[in-house]
Amino acid sequence: MTARVISRDISEGVVAPAFDETAMHILAKKRNGNFTVLKIDPEMLPSKSEERTIFGLRLRHKETEASIDEGAFDNIVSASKHTLQLPKEVRNDLAVAFAAVKFMQANSVCLAYRGQVIYKF
C-alpha cells in the first residue's frame, strides 16, 4: 500500500527497514528504474551528534533534545498577552510538525494539517 502512495509522488528515493516483492515491483517503475531504494537496520540508533567537514571547517551539530509531551502547548501566550487554549487537533498538528522538522536544518518550516505534513522546507 505504501509503495502505491509513493509511486504517485515526486521523490528521489525511499528508506525503510524492509520491502516486499510487490513494493519492489511498484517502485522499480519510478524514475525509469532509477528510483533509489535503501534498506536500513531497524535496530540501529542514530548518533547523538553529527559532524561534517566543509572547506576544511569541521562542524558538529548536537541532536535536538527537546521533546513533545501532553502539556507542551498548554502555555501559549498571544500577542495581546492572553494565554490561549489550543484545540486538541491543533496541538496534534503542532506535534506532527515538530517531529517532522526536528532533524532538519535550522530555520525549517513545516505545515501540518489533520495529522499530516502537507509542506516542509
PDB file of N, CA and C in Angstrom:
ATOM      1  N   MET A   1       0.822  -1.198   0.000  1.00  0.00           N
ATOM      2  CA  MET A   1       0.000   0.000   0.000  1.00  0.00           C
ATOM      3  C   MET A   1       0.872   1.269   0.000  1.00  0.00           C
ATOM      4  N   THR A   2       1.888   1.310   0.854  1.00  0.00           N
ATOM      5  CA  THR A   2       2.759   2.483   0.923  1.00  0.00           C
ATOM      6  C   THR A   2       3.468   2.711  -0.402  1.00  0.00           C
ATOM      7  N   ALA A   3       3.902   1.648  -1.050  1.00  0.00           N
ATOM      8  CA  ALA A   3       4.589   1.782  -2.342  1.00  0.00           C
ATOM      9  C   ALA A   3       3.672   2.419  -3.376  1.00  0.00           C
ATOM     10  N   ARG A   4       2.386   2.099  -3.350  1.00  0.00           N
ATOM     11  CA  ARG A   4       1.445   2.710  -4.303  1.00  0.00           C
ATOM     12  C   ARG A   4       1.333   4.208  -4.057  1.00  0.00           C
ATOM     13  N   VAL A   5       1.292   4.608  -2.789  1.00  0.00           N
ATOM     14  CA  VAL A   5       1.217   6.034  -2.458  1.00  0.00           C
ATOM     15  C   VAL A   5       2.489   6.738  -2.925  1.00  0.00           C
ATOM     16  N   ILE A   6       3.646   6.157  -2.620  1.00  0.00           N
ATOM     17  CA  ILE A   6       4.929   6.744  -3.023  1.00  0.00           C
ATOM     18  C   ILE A   6       5.050   6.819  -4.539  1.00  0.00           C
ATOM     19  N   SER A   7       4.511   5.844  -5.238  1.00  0.00           N
ATOM     20  CA  SER A   7       4.647   5.807  -6.698  1.00  0.00           C
ATOM     21  C   SER A   7       3.985   7.003  -7.372  1.00  0.00           C
ATOM     22  N   ARG A   8       3.015   7.619  -6.719  1.00  0.00           N
ATOM     23  CA  ARG A   8       2.318   8.771  -7.306  1.00  0.00           C
ATOM     24  C   ARG A   8       3.006  10.092  -6.991  1.00  0.00           C
ATOM     25  N   ASP A   9       3.843  10.113  -5.952  1.00  0.00           N
ATOM     26  CA  ASP A   9       4.502  11.348  -5.532  1.00  0.00           C
ATOM     27  C   ASP A   9       5.834  11.533  -6.247  1.00  0.00           C
ATOM     28  N   ILE A  10       6.248  12.788  -6.332  1.00  0.00           N
ATOM     29  CA  ILE A  10       7.560  13.089  -6.884  1.00  0.00           C
ATOM     30  C   ILE A  10       8.570  12.920  -5.759  1.00  0.00           C
ATOM     31  N   SER A  11       9.495  12.006  -5.929  1.00  0.00           N
ATOM     32  CA  SER A  11      10.531  11.773  -4.922  1.00  0.00           C
ATOM     33  C   SER A  11      11.720  11.091  -5.580  1.00  0.00           C
ATOM     34  N   GLU A  12      12.847  11.153  -4.905  1.00  0.00           N
ATOM     35  CA  GLU A  12      14.095  10.589  -5.428  1.00  0.00           C
ATOM     36  C   GLU A  12      14.345   9.179  -4.926  1.00  0.00           C
ATOM     37  N   GLY A  13      13.755   8.829  -3.786  1.00  0.00           N
ATOM     38  CA  GLY A  13      14.015   7.515  -3.217  1.00  0.00           C
ATOM     39  C   GLY A  13      13.245   7.303  -1.936  1.00  0.00           C
ATOM     40  N   VAL A  14      13.459   6.132  -1.352  1.00  0.00           N
ATOM     41  CA  VAL A  14      12.774   5.773  -0.112  1.00  0.00           C
ATOM     42  C   VAL A  14      13.739   4.963   0.752  1.00  0.00           C
ATOM     43  N   VAL A  15      13.618   5.134   2.069  1.00  0.00           N
ATOM     44  CA  VAL A  15      14.423   4.398   3.037  1.00  0.00           C
ATOM     45  C   VAL A  15      13.460   3.710   3.992  1.00  0.00           C
ATOM     46  N   ALA A  16      13.626   2.403   4.179  1.00  0.00           N
ATOM     47  CA  ALA A  16      12.741   1.639   5.063  1.00  0.00           C
ATOM     48  C   ALA A  16      13.470   0.393   5.556  1.00  0.00           C
ATOM     49  N   PRO A  17      12.961  -0.233   6.634  1.00  0.00           N
ATOM     50  CA  PRO A  17      13.616  -1.440   7.148  1.00  0.00           C
ATOM     51  C   PRO A  17      13.389  -2.678   6.288  1.00  0.00           C
ATOM     52  N   ALA A  18      12.354  -2.679   5.457  1.00  0.00           N
ATOM     53  CA  ALA A  18      12.082  -3.859   4.620  1.00  0.00           C
ATOM     54  C   ALA A  18      11.171  -3.475   3.461  1.00  0.00           C
ATOM     55  N   PHE A  19      11.234  -4.269   2.397  1.00  0.00           N
ATOM     56  CA  PHE A  19      10.384  -4.083   1.222  1.00  0.00           C
ATOM     57  C   PHE A  19       9.935  -5.459   0.758  1.00  0.00           C
ATOM     58  N   ASP A  20       8.642  -5.621   0.488  1.00  0.00           N
ATOM     59  CA  ASP A  20       8.210  -6.914  -0.055  1.00  0.00           C
ATOM     60  C   ASP A  20       8.319  -6.882  -1.582  1.00  0.00           C
ATOM     61  N   GLU A  21       8.099  -8.029  -2.215  1.00  0.00           N
ATOM     62  CA  GLU A  21       8.266  -8.131  -3.676  1.00  0.00           C
ATOM     63  C   GLU A  21       7.337  -7.195  -4.433  1.00  0.00           C
ATOM     64  N   THR A  22       6.095  -7.082  -3.974  1.00  0.00           N
ATOM     65  CA  THR A  22       5.133  -6.204  -4.645  1.00  0.00           C
ATOM     66  C   THR A  22       5.606  -4.758  -4.595  1.00  0.00           C
ATOM     67  N   ALA A  23       6.083  -4.326  -3.434  1.00  0.00           N
ATOM     68  CA  ALA A  23       6.578  -2.951  -3.296  1.00  0.00           C
ATOM     69  C   ALA A  23       7.763  -2.711  -4.224  1.00  0.00           C
ATOM     70  N   MET A  24       8.685  -3.656  -4.276  1.00  0.00           N
ATOM     71  CA  MET A  24       9.859  -3.502  -5.144  1.00  0.00           C
ATOM     72  C   MET A  24       9.452  -3.420  -6.615  1.00  0.00           C
ATOM     73  N   HIS A  25       8.453  -4.197  -7.010  1.00  0.00           N
ATOM     74  CA  HIS A  25       7.964  -4.168  -8.392  1.00  0.00           C
ATOM     75  C   HIS A  25       7.372  -2.793  -8.719  1.00  0.00           C
ATOM     76  N   ILE A  26       6.591  -2.246  -7.785  1.00  0.00           N
ATOM     77  CA  ILE A  26       5.970  -0.928  -7.994  1.00  0.00           C
ATOM     78  C   ILE A  26       7.039   0.160  -8.041  1.00  0.00           C
ATOM     79  N   LEU A  27       7.977   0.129  -7.094  1.00  0.00           N
ATOM     80  CA  LEU A  27       8.997   1.176  -7.009  1.00  0.00           C
ATOM     81  C   LEU A  27      10.002   1.114  -8.152  1.00  0.00           C
ATOM     82  N   ALA A  28      10.216  -0.071  -8.721  1.00  0.00           N
ATOM     83  CA  ALA A  28      11.158  -0.227  -9.836  1.00  0.00           C
ATOM     84  C   ALA A  28      10.703   0.547 -11.072  1.00  0.00           C
ATOM     85  N   LYS A  29       9.419   0.870 -11.159  1.00  0.00           N
ATOM     86  CA  LYS A  29       8.886   1.603 -12.311  1.00  0.00           C
ATOM     87  C   LYS A  29       9.109   3.116 -12.198  1.00  0.00           C
ATOM     88  N   LYS A  30       9.393   3.606 -10.985  1.00  0.00           N
ATOM     89  CA  LYS A  30       9.583   5.050 -10.801  1.00  0.00           C
ATOM     90  C   LYS A  30      10.895   5.502 -11.424  1.00  0.00           C
ATOM     91  N   ARG A  31      10.906   6.692 -11.932  1.00  0.00           N
ATOM     92  CA  ARG A  31      12.101   7.346 -12.489  1.00  0.00           C
ATOM     93  C   ARG A  31      12.832   6.451 -13.480  1.00  0.00           C
ATOM     94  N   ASN A  32      12.062   5.759 -14.310  1.00  0.00           N
ATOM     95  CA  ASN A  32      12.629   4.873 -15.337  1.00  0.00           C
ATOM     96  C   ASN A  32      13.616   3.865 -14.751  1.00  0.00           C
ATOM     97  N   GLY A  33      13.301   3.354 -13.571  1.00  0.00           N
ATOM     98  CA  GLY A  33      14.153   2.355 -12.927  1.00  0.00           C
ATOM     99  C   GLY A  33      15.286   2.930 -12.106  1.00  0.00           C
ATOM    100  N   ASN A  34      15.375   4.253 -12.022  1.00  0.00           N
ATOM    101  CA  ASN A  34      16.459   4.899 -11.275  1.00  0.00           C
ATOM    102  C   ASN A  34      16.021   5.410  -9.905  1.00  0.00           C
ATOM    103  N   PHE A  35      14.955   4.876  -9.364  1.00  0.00           N
ATOM    104  CA  PHE A  35      14.457   5.269  -8.048  1.00  0.00           C
ATOM    105  C   PHE A  35      15.315   4.587  -6.979  1.00  0.00           C
ATOM    106  N   THR A  36      15.830   5.346  -6.037  1.00  0.00           N
ATOM    107  CA  THR A  36      16.715   4.806  -5.001  1.00  0.00           C
ATOM    108  C   THR A  36      15.901   4.150  -3.894  1.00  0.00           C
ATOM    109  N   VAL A  37      16.216   2.901  -3.598  1.00  0.00           N
ATOM    110  CA  VAL A  37      15.563   2.149  -2.525  1.00  0.00           C
ATOM    111  C   VAL A  37      16.659   1.697  -1.568  1.00  0.00           C
ATOM    112  N   LEU A  38      16.621   2.209  -0.340  1.00  0.00           N
ATOM    113  CA  LEU A  38      17.636   1.870   0.656  1.00  0.00           C
ATOM    114  C   LEU A  38      16.998   1.129   1.824  1.00  0.00           C
ATOM    115  N   LYS A  39      17.578  -0.005   2.162  1.00  0.00           N
ATOM    116  CA  LYS A  39      17.113  -0.782   3.311  1.00  0.00           C
ATOM    117  C   LYS A  39      18.005  -0.438   4.503  1.00  0.00           C
ATOM    118  N   ILE A  40      17.369  -0.124   5.655  1.00  0.00           N
ATOM    119  CA  ILE A  40      18.134   0.217   6.850  1.00  0.00           C
ATOM    120  C   ILE A  40      17.909  -0.820   7.942  1.00  0.00           C
ATOM    121  N   ASP A  41      18.816  -0.862   8.870  1.00  0.00           N
ATOM    122  CA  ASP A  41      18.705  -1.744  10.025  1.00  0.00           C
ATOM    123  C   ASP A  41      17.742  -1.102  11.022  1.00  0.00           C
ATOM    124  N   PRO A  42      16.598  -1.737  11.312  1.00  0.00           N
ATOM    125  CA  PRO A  42      15.627  -1.135  12.231  1.00  0.00           C
ATOM    126  C   PRO A  42      16.141  -1.033  13.668  1.00  0.00           C
ATOM    127  N   GLU A  43      17.197  -1.771  14.002  1.00  0.00           N
ATOM    128  CA  GLU A  43      17.761  -1.738  15.356  1.00  0.00           C
ATOM    129  C   GLU A  43      18.805  -0.627  15.534  1.00  0.00           C
ATOM    130  N   MET A  44      19.245  -0.033  14.437  1.00  0.00           N
ATOM    131  CA  MET A  44      20.290   0.989  14.502  1.00  0.00           C
ATOM    132  C   MET A  44      19.760   2.264  15.150  1.00  0.00           C
ATOM    133  N   LEU A  45      20.521   2.812  16.073  1.00  0.00           N
ATOM    134  CA  LEU A  45      20.155   4.067  16.721  1.00  0.00           C
ATOM    135  C   LEU A  45      21.066   5.171  16.192  1.00  0.00           C
ATOM    136  N   PRO A  46      20.494   6.340  15.874  1.00  0.00           N
ATOM    137  CA  PRO A  46      21.324   7.418  15.344  1.00  0.00           C
ATOM    138  C   PRO A  46      22.275   7.972  16.404  1.00  0.00           C
ATOM    139  N   SER A  47      23.361   8.552  15.951  1.00  0.00           N
ATOM    140  CA  SER A  47      24.330   9.185  16.832  1.00  0.00           C
ATOM    141  C   SER A  47      23.697  10.415  17.475  1.00  0.00           C
ATOM    142  N   LYS A  48      24.164  10.778  18.656  1.00  0.00           N
ATOM    143  CA  LYS A  48      23.645  11.963  19.351  1.00  0.00           C
ATOM    144  C   LYS A  48      24.160  13.261  18.731  1.00  0.00           C
ATOM    145  N   SER A  49      25.182  13.164  17.879  1.00  0.00           N
ATOM    146  CA  SER A  49      25.672  14.357  17.195  1.00  0.00           C
ATOM    147  C   SER A  49      26.092  13.984  15.777  1.00  0.00           C
ATOM    148  N   GLU A  50      26.104  14.985  14.928  1.00  0.00           N
ATOM    149  CA  GLU A  50      26.505  14.799  13.534  1.00  0.00           C
ATOM    150  C   GLU A  50      27.691  15.716  13.276  1.00  0.00           C
ATOM    151  N   GLU A  51      28.666  15.212  12.581  1.00  0.00           N
ATOM    152  CA  GLU A  51      29.859  16.001  12.300  1.00  0.00           C
ATOM    153  C   GLU A  51      30.185  15.913  10.814  1.00  0.00           C
ATOM    154  N   ARG A  52      30.549  17.043  10.229  1.00  0.00           N
ATOM    155  CA  ARG A  52      30.981  17.047   8.829  1.00  0.00           C
ATOM    156  C   ARG A  52      32.014  18.149   8.633  1.00  0.00           C
ATOM    157  N   THR A  53      32.824  17.979   7.620  1.00  0.00           N
ATOM    158  CA  THR A  53      33.855  18.960   7.305  1.00  0.00           C
ATOM    159  C   THR A  53      33.518  19.599   5.964  1.00  0.00           C
ATOM    160  N   ILE A  54      33.469  20.930   5.960  1.00  0.00           N
ATOM    161  CA  ILE A  54      33.156  21.687   4.751  1.00  0.00           C
ATOM    162  C   ILE A  54      34.263  22.716   4.559  1.00  0.00           C
ATOM    163  N   PHE A  55      34.965  22.629   3.424  1.00  0.00           N
ATOM    164  CA  PHE A  55      36.065  23.543   3.113  1.00  0.00           C
ATOM    165  C   PHE A  55      37.078  23.606   4.256  1.00  0.00           C
ATOM    166  N   GLY A  56      37.373  22.466   4.867  1.00  0.00           N
ATOM    167  CA  GLY A  56      38.361  22.405   5.937  1.00  0.00           C
ATOM    168  C   GLY A  56      37.840  22.810   7.304  1.00  0.00           C
ATOM    169  N   LEU A  57      36.601  23.226   7.379  1.00  0.00           N
ATOM    170  CA  LEU A  57      36.000  23.631   8.648  1.00  0.00           C
ATOM    171  C   LEU A  57      35.157  22.485   9.183  1.00  0.00           C
ATOM    172  N   ARG A  58      35.447  22.023  10.386  1.00  0.00           N
ATOM    173  CA  ARG A  58      34.699  20.913  10.977  1.00  0.00           C
ATOM    174  C   ARG A  58      33.501  21.468  11.746  1.00  0.00           C
ATOM    175  N   LEU A  59      32.327  21.003  11.386  1.00  0.00           N
ATOM    176  CA  LEU A  59      31.082  21.434  12.023  1.00  0.00           C
ATOM    177  C   LEU A  59      30.483  20.265  12.792  1.00  0.00           C
ATOM    178  N   ARG A  60      30.014  20.527  13.995  1.00  0.00           N
ATOM    179  CA  ARG A  60      29.360  19.496  14.798  1.00  0.00           C
ATOM    180  C   ARG A  60      28.005  20.034  15.243  1.00  0.00           C
ATOM    181  N   HIS A  61      26.995  19.207  15.089  1.00  0.00           N
ATOM    182  CA  HIS A  61      25.629  19.579  15.437  1.00  0.00           C
ATOM    183  C   HIS A  61      25.076  18.522  16.380  1.00  0.00           C
ATOM    184  N   LYS A  62      24.622  18.948  17.557  1.00  0.00           N
ATOM    185  CA  LYS A  62      24.029  18.020  18.513  1.00  0.00           C
ATOM    186  C   LYS A  62      22.571  17.754  18.155  1.00  0.00           C
ATOM    187  N   GLU A  63      22.121  16.582  18.521  1.00  0.00           N
ATOM    188  CA  GLU A  63      20.719  16.225  18.329  1.00  0.00           C
ATOM    189  C   GLU A  63      19.839  17.151  19.165  1.00  0.00           C
ATOM    190  N   THR A  64      18.700  17.527  18.622  1.00  0.00           N
ATOM    191  CA  THR A  64      17.735  18.321  19.370  1.00  0.00           C
ATOM    192  C   THR A  64      17.190  17.473  20.507  1.00  0.00           C
ATOM    193  N   GLU A  65      17.323  17.970  21.723  1.00  0.00           N
ATOM    194  CA  GLU A  65      16.881  17.201  22.880  1.00  0.00           C
ATOM    195  C   GLU A  65      15.461  17.539  23.304  1.00  0.00           C
ATOM    196  N   ALA A  66      14.877  18.541  22.680  1.00  0.00           N
ATOM    197  CA  ALA A  66      13.510  18.915  23.031  1.00  0.00           C
ATOM    198  C   ALA A  66      12.558  17.779  22.696  1.00  0.00           C
ATOM    199  N   SER A  67      11.538  17.647  23.499  1.00  0.00           N
ATOM    200  CA  SER A  67      10.543  16.612  23.235  1.00  0.00           C
ATOM    201  C   SER A  67       9.150  17.199  23.422  1.00  0.00           C
ATOM    202  N   ILE A  68       8.205  16.526  22.844  1.00  0.00           N
ATOM    203  CA  ILE A  68       6.818  16.966  22.927  1.00  0.00           C
ATOM    204  C   ILE A  68       6.083  16.027  23.870  1.00  0.00           C
ATOM    205  N   ASP A  69       5.420  16.610  24.855  1.00  0.00           N
ATOM    206  CA  ASP A  69       4.570  15.802  25.724  1.00  0.00           C
ATOM    207  C   ASP A  69       3.180  16.427  25.746  1.00  0.00           C
ATOM    208  N   GLU A  70       2.309  15.869  26.527  1.00  0.00           N
ATOM    209  CA  GLU A  70       0.905  16.304  26.550  1.00  0.00           C
ATOM    210  C   GLU A  70       0.757  17.792  26.889  1.00  0.00           C
ATOM    211  N   GLY A  71       1.629  18.351  27.711  1.00  0.00           N
ATOM    212  CA  GLY A  71       1.486  19.743  28.126  1.00  0.00           C
ATOM    213  C   GLY A  71       2.356  20.728  27.371  1.00  0.00           C
ATOM    214  N   ALA A  72       3.001  20.305  26.309  1.00  0.00           N
ATOM    215  CA  ALA A  72       3.948  21.162  25.593  1.00  0.00           C
ATOM    216  C   ALA A  72       3.312  22.434  25.037  1.00  0.00           C
ATOM    217  N   PHE A  73       2.048  22.389  24.696  1.00  0.00           N
ATOM    218  CA  PHE A  73       1.395  23.552  24.086  1.00  0.00           C
ATOM    219  C   PHE A  73       0.311  24.139  24.987  1.00  0.00           C
ATOM    220  N   ASP A  74       0.441  23.924  26.303  1.00  0.00           N
ATOM    221  CA  ASP A  74      -0.572  24.429  27.237  1.00  0.00           C
ATOM    222  C   ASP A  74      -0.395  25.903  27.571  1.00  0.00           C
ATOM    223  N   ASN A  75       0.802  26.437  27.476  1.00  0.00           N
ATOM    224  CA  ASN A  75       1.061  27.808  27.895  1.00  0.00           C
ATOM    225  C   ASN A  75       1.451  28.669  26.696  1.00  0.00           C
ATOM    226  N   ILE A  76       0.545  28.811  25.739  1.00  0.00           N
ATOM    227  CA  ILE A  76       0.775  29.629  24.547  1.00  0.00           C
ATOM    228  C   ILE A  76       0.250  31.036  24.835  1.00  0.00           C
ATOM    229  N   VAL A  77       1.122  32.034  24.734  1.00  0.00           N
ATOM    230  CA  VAL A  77       0.729  33.411  25.020  1.00  0.00           C
ATOM    231  C   VAL A  77       0.604  34.154  23.696  1.00  0.00           C
ATOM    232  N   SER A  78      -0.532  34.827  23.496  1.00  0.00           N
ATOM    233  CA  SER A  78      -0.787  35.546  22.248  1.00  0.00           C
ATOM    234  C   SER A  78      -0.123  36.921  22.275  1.00  0.00           C
ATOM    235  N   ALA A  79      -0.179  37.615  21.146  1.00  0.00           N
ATOM    236  CA  ALA A  79       0.397  38.958  21.044  1.00  0.00           C
ATOM    237  C   ALA A  79      -0.273  39.913  22.030  1.00  0.00           C
ATOM    238  N   SER A  80      -1.537  39.658  22.356  1.00  0.00           N
ATOM    239  CA  SER A  80      -2.256  40.519  23.302  1.00  0.00           C
ATOM    240  C   SER A  80      -2.048  40.069  24.746  1.00  0.00           C
ATOM    241  N   LYS A  81      -1.063  39.200  24.970  1.00  0.00           N
ATOM    242  CA  LYS A  81      -0.664  38.723  26.296  1.00  0.00           C
ATOM    243  C   LYS A  81      -1.709  37.827  26.967  1.00  0.00           C
ATOM    244  N   HIS A  82      -2.604  37.262  26.195  1.00  0.00           N
ATOM    245  CA  HIS A  82      -3.587  36.320  26.734  1.00  0.00           C
ATOM    246  C   HIS A  82      -3.094  34.896  26.498  1.00  0.00           C
ATOM    247  N   THR A  83      -3.337  34.027  27.462  1.00  0.00           N
ATOM    248  CA  THR A  83      -2.972  32.624  27.299  1.00  0.00           C
ATOM    249  C   THR A  83      -4.031  31.946  26.445  1.00  0.00           C
ATOM    250  N   LEU A  84      -3.588  31.222  25.423  1.00  0.00           N
ATOM    251  CA  LEU A  84      -4.507  30.555  24.506  1.00  0.00           C
ATOM    252  C   LEU A  84      -4.677  29.090  24.879  1.00  0.00           C
ATOM    253  N   GLN A  85      -5.870  28.595  24.753  1.00  0.00           N
ATOM    254  CA  GLN A  85      -6.145  27.168  24.888  1.00  0.00           C
ATOM    255  C   GLN A  85      -6.339  26.624  23.479  1.00  0.00           C
ATOM    256  N   LEU A  86      -5.357  25.897  22.994  1.00  0.00           N
ATOM    257  CA  LEU A  86      -5.430  25.367  21.638  1.00  0.00           C
ATOM    258  C   LEU A  86      -6.270  24.102  21.600  1.00  0.00           C
ATOM    259  N   PRO A  87      -7.098  23.946  20.565  1.00  0.00           N
ATOM    260  CA  PRO A  87      -7.878  22.710  20.417  1.00  0.00           C
ATOM    261  C   PRO A  87      -6.950  21.503  20.256  1.00  0.00           C
ATOM    262  N   LYS A  88      -7.422  20.337  20.637  1.00  0.00           N
ATOM    263  CA  LYS A  88      -6.628  19.109  20.565  1.00  0.00           C
ATOM    264  C   LYS A  88      -6.104  18.869  19.146  1.00  0.00           C
ATOM    265  N   GLU A  89      -6.913  19.136  18.114  1.00  0.00           N
ATOM    266  CA  GLU A  89      -6.485  18.919  16.733  1.00  0.00           C
ATOM    267  C   GLU A  89      -5.279  19.795  16.385  1.00  0.00           C
ATOM    268  N   VAL A  90      -5.282  21.033  16.869  1.00  0.00           N
ATOM    269  CA  VAL A  90      -4.173  21.955  16.604  1.00  0.00           C
ATOM    270  C   VAL A  90      -2.918  21.482  17.333  1.00  0.00           C
ATOM    271  N   ARG A  91      -3.067  21.049  18.592  1.00  0.00           N
ATOM    272  CA  ARG A  91      -1.912  20.528  19.345  1.00  0.00           C
ATOM    273  C   ARG A  91      -1.324  19.305  18.642  1.00  0.00           C
ATOM    274  N   ASN A  92      -2.190  18.442  18.111  1.00  0.00           N
ATOM    275  CA  ASN A  92      -1.708  17.265  17.370  1.00  0.00           C
ATOM    276  C   ASN A  92      -0.925  17.685  16.130  1.00  0.00           C
ATOM    277  N   ASP A  93      -1.441  18.672  15.383  1.00  0.00           N
ATOM    278  CA  ASP A  93      -0.740  19.150  14.187  1.00  0.00           C
ATOM    279  C   ASP A  93       0.611  19.770  14.549  1.00  0.00           C
ATOM    280  N   LEU A  94       0.674  20.496  15.653  1.00  0.00           N
ATOM    281  CA  LEU A  94       1.947  21.062  16.102  1.00  0.00           C
ATOM    282  C   LEU A  94       2.947  19.959  16.448  1.00  0.00           C
ATOM    283  N   ALA A  95       2.482  18.899  17.084  1.00  0.00           N
ATOM    284  CA  ALA A  95       3.363  17.778  17.435  1.00  0.00           C
ATOM    285  C   ALA A  95       3.883  17.082  16.175  1.00  0.00           C
ATOM    286  N   VAL A  96       3.024  16.902  15.180  1.00  0.00           N
ATOM    287  CA  VAL A  96       3.435  16.283  13.912  1.00  0.00           C
ATOM    288  C   VAL A  96       4.485  17.153  13.222  1.00  0.00           C
ATOM    289  N   ALA A  97       4.243  18.459  13.163  1.00  0.00           N
ATOM    290  CA  ALA A  97       5.194  19.376  12.522  1.00  0.00           C
ATOM    291  C   ALA A  97       6.531  19.374  13.261  1.00  0.00           C
ATOM    292  N   PHE A  98       6.484  19.369  14.585  1.00  0.00           N
ATOM    293  CA  PHE A  98       7.725  19.336  15.366  1.00  0.00           C
ATOM    294  C   PHE A  98       8.525  18.077  15.059  1.00  0.00           C
ATOM    295  N   ALA A  99       7.853  16.933  15.033  1.00  0.00           N
ATOM    296  CA  ALA A  99       8.540  15.666  14.742  1.00  0.00           C
ATOM    297  C   ALA A  99       9.143  15.683  13.341  1.00  0.00           C
ATOM    298  N   ALA A 100       8.462  16.321  12.390  1.00  0.00           N
ATOM    299  CA  ALA A 100       8.939  16.348  11.005  1.00  0.00           C
ATOM    300  C   ALA A 100      10.186  17.210  10.838  1.00  0.00           C
ATOM    301  N   VAL A 101      10.294  18.306  11.585  1.00  0.00           N
ATOM    302  CA  VAL A 101      11.431  19.211  11.396  1.00  0.00           C
ATOM    303  C   VAL A 101      12.527  19.035  12.443  1.00  0.00           C
ATOM    304  N   LYS A 102      12.322  18.164  13.397  1.00  0.00           N
ATOM    305  CA  LYS A 102      13.291  18.004  14.488  1.00  0.00           C
ATOM    306  C   LYS A 102      14.704  17.734  13.973  1.00  0.00           C
ATOM    307  N   PHE A 103      14.837  16.960  12.916  1.00  0.00           N
ATOM    308  CA  PHE A 103      16.158  16.598  12.419  1.00  0.00           C
ATOM    309  C   PHE A 103      16.536  17.335  11.138  1.00  0.00           C
ATOM    310  N   MET A 104      15.788  18.371  10.784  1.00  0.00           N
ATOM    311  CA  MET A 104      16.115  19.148   9.590  1.00  0.00           C
ATOM    312  C   MET A 104      17.031  20.309   9.960  1.00  0.00           C
ATOM    313  N   GLN A 105      17.497  21.019   8.948  1.00  0.00           N
ATOM    314  CA  GLN A 105      18.368  22.165   9.176  1.00  0.00           C
ATOM    315  C   GLN A 105      17.617  23.265   9.916  1.00  0.00           C
ATOM    316  N   ALA A 106      18.381  24.174  10.513  1.00  0.00           N
ATOM    317  CA  ALA A 106      17.789  25.303  11.229  1.00  0.00           C
ATOM    318  C   ALA A 106      16.908  26.118  10.290  1.00  0.00           C
ATOM    319  N   ASN A 107      15.968  26.812  10.857  1.00  0.00           N
ATOM    320  CA  ASN A 107      15.043  27.676  10.125  1.00  0.00           C
ATOM    321  C   ASN A 107      14.156  26.906   9.161  1.00  0.00           C
ATOM    322  N   SER A 108      13.860  25.667   9.473  1.00  0.00           N
ATOM    323  CA  SER A 108      12.949  24.882   8.644  1.00  0.00           C
ATOM    324  C   SER A 108      11.516  25.293   8.948  1.00  0.00           C
ATOM    325  N   VAL A 109      10.667  25.151   7.964  1.00  0.00           N
ATOM    326  CA  VAL A 109       9.255  25.473   8.108  1.00  0.00           C
ATOM    327  C   VAL A 109       8.450  24.244   7.733  1.00  0.00           C
ATOM    328  N   CYS A 110       7.426  23.955   8.509  1.00  0.00           N
ATOM    329  CA  CYS A 110       6.587  22.789   8.237  1.00  0.00           C
ATOM    330  C   CYS A 110       5.130  23.170   8.437  1.00  0.00           C
ATOM    331  N   LEU A 111       4.286  22.777   7.510  1.00  0.00           N
ATOM    332  CA  LEU A 111       2.847  22.965   7.640  1.00  0.00           C
ATOM    333  C   LEU A 111       2.209  21.597   7.823  1.00  0.00           C
ATOM    334  N   ALA A 112       1.464  21.445   8.903  1.00  0.00           N
ATOM    335  CA  ALA A 112       0.781  20.182   9.172  1.00  0.00           C
ATOM    336  C   ALA A 112      -0.710  20.465   9.291  1.00  0.00           C
ATOM    337  N   TYR A 113      -1.515  19.542   8.801  1.00  0.00           N
ATOM    338  CA  TYR A 113      -2.966  19.698   8.838  1.00  0.00           C
ATOM    339  C   TYR A 113      -3.593  18.324   8.974  1.00  0.00           C
ATOM    340  N   ARG A 114      -4.475  18.198   9.944  1.00  0.00           N
ATOM    341  CA  ARG A 114      -5.173  16.937  10.212  1.00  0.00           C
ATOM    342  C   ARG A 114      -4.203  15.769  10.404  1.00  0.00           C
ATOM    343  N   GLY A 115      -3.129  16.038  11.140  1.00  0.00           N
ATOM    344  CA  GLY A 115      -2.184  14.982  11.480  1.00  0.00           C
ATOM    345  C   GLY A 115      -1.224  14.587  10.381  1.00  0.00           C
ATOM    346  N   GLN A 116      -1.152  15.389   9.309  1.00  0.00           N
ATOM    347  CA  GLN A 116      -0.261  15.059   8.197  1.00  0.00           C
ATOM    348  C   GLN A 116       0.597  16.267   7.837  1.00  0.00           C
ATOM    349  N   VAL A 117       1.838  16.007   7.455  1.00  0.00           N
ATOM    350  CA  VAL A 117       2.689  17.075   6.936  1.00  0.00           C
ATOM    351  C   VAL A 117       2.234  17.349   5.513  1.00  0.00           C
ATOM    352  N   ILE A 118       1.876  18.602   5.240  1.00  0.00           N
ATOM    353  CA  ILE A 118       1.440  18.932   3.884  1.00  0.00           C
ATOM    354  C   ILE A 118       2.497  19.734   3.129  1.00  0.00           C
ATOM    355  N   TYR A 119       3.469  20.300   3.860  1.00  0.00           N
ATOM    356  CA  TYR A 119       4.541  21.044   3.197  1.00  0.00           C
ATOM    357  C   TYR A 119       5.654  21.279   4.202  1.00  0.00           C
ATOM    358  N   LYS A 120       6.894  21.079   3.763  1.00  0.00           N
ATOM    359  CA  LYS A 120       8.021  21.447   4.626  1.00  0.00           C
ATOM    360  C   LYS A 120       9.188  21.876   3.754  1.00  0.00           C
ATOM    361  N   PHE A 121       9.902  22.871   4.252  1.00  0.00           N
ATOM    362  CA  PHE A 121      11.097  23.361   3.560  1.00  0.00           C
ATOM    363  C   PHE A 121      12.013  23.997   4.568  1.00  0.00           C
TER     364      PHE A 121
END
